């Protein structure tokens, strides 16, 4: 390149946004990370637990579906905190972290509960289908927020 001294022409030919930086890691942008595998495995386990809980409640008619689903999410909040802290994101358990996790997850649980309730009551969809739909909608969004804000290094 004319007028450029002491540098390679290929480096200046690339736009700035294409130049790799020292901390560039493709796996962070493509989510090929151990934490996404753990979160996916945990989410699949939780989904199985949710389906079993909702199915048993529906089969035996123990509680109204919305109350049963609310109790389920209280149980999952505690289990999820331990799982994500110790396994997915490998951080120590602490009250401040639990508070931050609870605030974030509460928003997702409220959205999950809203989607479930709308589908189950207004949409007259079977509880199991409502659980599957709500869980699918929130999985990726939850991972992004947890990994980027709650358990950010």
Protein backbone atom coordinates (compact mmCIF):
# COMPACT_ATOMS: atom_id res chain seq x y z
CA UNK A 1 0.00 0.00 0.00
CA UNK A 2 1.31 3.36 -0.92
CA UNK A 3 1.93 5.85 1.85
CA UNK A 4 2.06 3.26 4.64
CA UNK A 5 5.46 2.58 6.12
CA UNK A 6 6.55 -0.14 8.48
CA UNK A 7 3.38 -2.25 8.42
CA UNK A 8 2.00 -5.02 6.32
CA UNK A 9 -0.48 -4.16 3.62
CA UNK A 10 -2.79 -7.04 4.55
CA UNK A 11 -3.32 -5.70 8.08
CA UNK A 12 -4.43 -2.31 6.79
CA UNK A 13 -6.49 -3.81 3.99
CA UNK A 14 -8.82 -5.41 6.56
CA UNK A 15 -11.56 -3.32 8.10
CA UNK A 16 -11.01 -2.60 11.79
CA UNK A 17 -13.90 -4.83 12.90
CA UNK A 18 -12.28 -7.85 11.20
CA UNK A 19 -8.91 -7.50 12.90
CA UNK A 20 -8.56 -10.08 15.67
CA UNK A 21 -7.90 -8.73 19.13
CA UNK A 22 -5.75 -10.53 21.72
CA UNK A 23 -8.82 -11.48 23.77
CA UNK A 24 -10.92 -12.62 20.78
CA UNK A 25 -12.39 -16.06 21.38
CA UNK A 26 -14.73 -17.44 18.76
CA UNK A 27 -16.25 -19.88 21.23
CA UNK A 28 -17.69 -16.98 23.26
CA UNK A 29 -19.48 -15.68 20.22
CA UNK A 30 -20.77 -19.08 19.12
CA UNK A 31 -21.57 -20.23 22.68
CA UNK A 32 -19.25 -23.24 22.40
CA UNK A 33 -18.52 -23.08 26.04
CA UNK A 34 -18.74 -25.55 28.89
CA UNK A 35 -21.38 -23.41 30.60
CA UNK A 36 -23.84 -23.70 27.69
CA UNK A 37 -23.52 -27.49 27.84
CA UNK A 38 -24.16 -27.47 31.59
CA UNK A 39 -27.07 -25.06 31.29
CA UNK A 40 -28.58 -27.17 28.50
CA UNK A 41 -28.19 -30.36 30.56
CA UNK A 42 -29.65 -28.64 33.61
CA UNK A 43 -32.50 -27.21 31.57
CA UNK A 44 -33.28 -30.65 30.13
CA UNK A 45 -33.27 -32.12 33.65
CA UNK A 46 -35.46 -29.30 34.94
CA UNK A 47 -37.79 -29.73 31.98
CA UNK A 48 -38.17 -33.42 32.83
CA UNK A 49 -38.84 -32.49 36.45
CA UNK A 50 -41.39 -29.86 35.38
CA UNK A 51 -43.16 -32.31 33.07
CA UNK A 52 -43.29 -34.98 35.77
CA UNK A 53 -44.59 -32.47 38.34
CA UNK A 54 -47.24 -31.01 36.02
CA UNK A 55 -48.21 -34.43 34.69
CA UNK A 56 -48.64 -35.86 38.19
CA UNK A 57 -50.65 -32.85 39.28
CA UNK A 58 -52.85 -33.11 36.22
CA UNK A 59 -53.31 -36.88 36.61
CA UNK A 60 -54.16 -36.77 40.30
CA UNK A 61 -55.84 -33.34 40.40
CA UNK A 62 -53.96 -32.28 43.53
CA UNK A 63 -53.84 -28.51 43.02
CA UNK A 64 -55.04 -25.97 40.48
CA UNK A 65 -52.44 -25.88 37.65
CA UNK A 66 -51.36 -22.29 38.30
CA UNK A 67 -50.74 -22.96 42.03
CA UNK A 68 -48.88 -26.18 41.31
CA UNK A 69 -46.72 -24.40 38.72
CA UNK A 70 -45.96 -21.59 41.18
CA UNK A 71 -44.81 -24.06 43.87
CA UNK A 72 -42.75 -25.87 41.26
CA UNK A 73 -40.88 -22.66 40.41
CA UNK A 74 -40.11 -21.96 44.08
CA UNK A 75 -38.50 -25.40 44.31
CA UNK A 76 -36.63 -24.89 41.02
CA UNK A 77 -35.29 -21.53 42.22
CA UNK A 78 -33.33 -23.20 45.01
CA UNK A 79 -32.19 -26.18 42.97
CA UNK A 80 -31.23 -23.90 40.07
CA UNK A 81 -29.11 -21.66 42.29
CA UNK A 82 -27.05 -24.59 43.54
CA UNK A 83 -26.72 -26.12 40.08
CA UNK A 84 -25.75 -22.94 38.22
CA UNK A 85 -23.40 -21.74 40.94
CA UNK A 86 -21.52 -24.98 41.49
CA UNK A 87 -21.73 -26.69 38.09
CA UNK A 88 -22.62 -24.38 35.19
CA UNK A 89 -20.66 -21.25 36.09
CA UNK A 90 -18.43 -22.63 38.89
CA UNK A 91 -18.82 -19.87 41.44
CA UNK A 92 -19.05 -19.94 45.19
CA UNK A 93 -22.37 -19.86 46.98
CA UNK A 94 -23.09 -16.61 48.76
CA UNK A 95 -25.98 -14.45 49.87
CA UNK A 96 -25.18 -11.58 47.50
CA UNK A 97 -24.94 -13.95 44.56
CA UNK A 98 -28.18 -15.66 45.56
CA UNK A 99 -29.93 -12.30 45.74
CA UNK A 100 -28.65 -11.29 42.29
CA UNK A 101 -29.58 -14.71 40.88
CA UNK A 102 -33.05 -14.56 42.48
CA UNK A 103 -33.76 -11.12 41.05
CA UNK A 104 -32.82 -12.19 37.55
CA UNK A 105 -34.49 -15.57 37.66
CA UNK A 106 -37.65 -14.11 39.19
CA UNK A 107 -38.19 -12.10 36.01
CA UNK A 108 -37.80 -15.26 33.92
CA UNK A 109 -40.03 -17.29 36.21
CA UNK A 110 -42.70 -14.58 36.01
CA UNK A 111 -42.48 -14.61 32.21
CA UNK A 112 -42.51 -18.42 32.19
CA UNK A 113 -45.56 -18.42 34.48
CA UNK A 114 -47.28 -15.82 32.28
CA UNK A 115 -46.69 -17.80 29.08
CA UNK A 116 -47.82 -21.01 30.80
CA UNK A 117 -50.97 -19.39 32.20
CA UNK A 118 -51.95 -17.73 28.92
CA UNK A 119 -51.48 -20.97 27.01
CA UNK A 120 -53.15 -23.19 29.60
CA UNK A 121 -56.13 -20.98 30.35
CA UNK A 122 -56.70 -18.51 27.51
CA UNK A 123 -55.39 -20.83 24.82
CA UNK A 124 -56.95 -23.96 26.32
CA UNK A 125 -53.72 -25.87 25.69
CA UNK A 126 -52.79 -28.99 27.68
CA UNK A 127 -50.51 -28.23 30.65
CA UNK A 128 -47.69 -30.37 29.30
CA UNK A 129 -47.69 -28.52 25.96
CA UNK A 130 -47.78 -25.19 27.80
CA UNK A 131 -44.72 -26.23 29.86
CA UNK A 132 -42.80 -27.27 26.74
CA UNK A 133 -43.63 -24.05 24.93
CA UNK A 134 -42.77 -21.76 27.84
CA UNK A 135 -39.50 -23.60 28.50
CA UNK A 136 -38.43 -23.46 24.86
CA UNK A 137 -39.12 -19.74 24.62
CA UNK A 138 -37.08 -18.87 27.69
CA UNK A 139 -34.06 -21.21 27.42
CA UNK A 140 -31.71 -19.13 25.27
CA UNK A 141 -32.73 -15.82 26.77
CA UNK A 142 -32.08 -17.16 30.27
CA UNK A 143 -28.64 -18.50 29.32
CA UNK A 144 -27.58 -15.20 27.78
CA UNK A 145 -28.61 -13.16 30.80
CA UNK A 146 -27.15 -15.60 33.35
CA UNK A 147 -23.82 -15.94 31.56
CA UNK A 148 -23.38 -12.27 30.67
CA UNK A 149 -24.73 -10.53 33.78
CA UNK A 150 -25.40 -12.74 36.79
CA UNK A 151 -22.37 -15.05 36.64
CA UNK A 152 -20.14 -12.78 34.54
CA UNK A 153 -16.46 -13.22 35.37
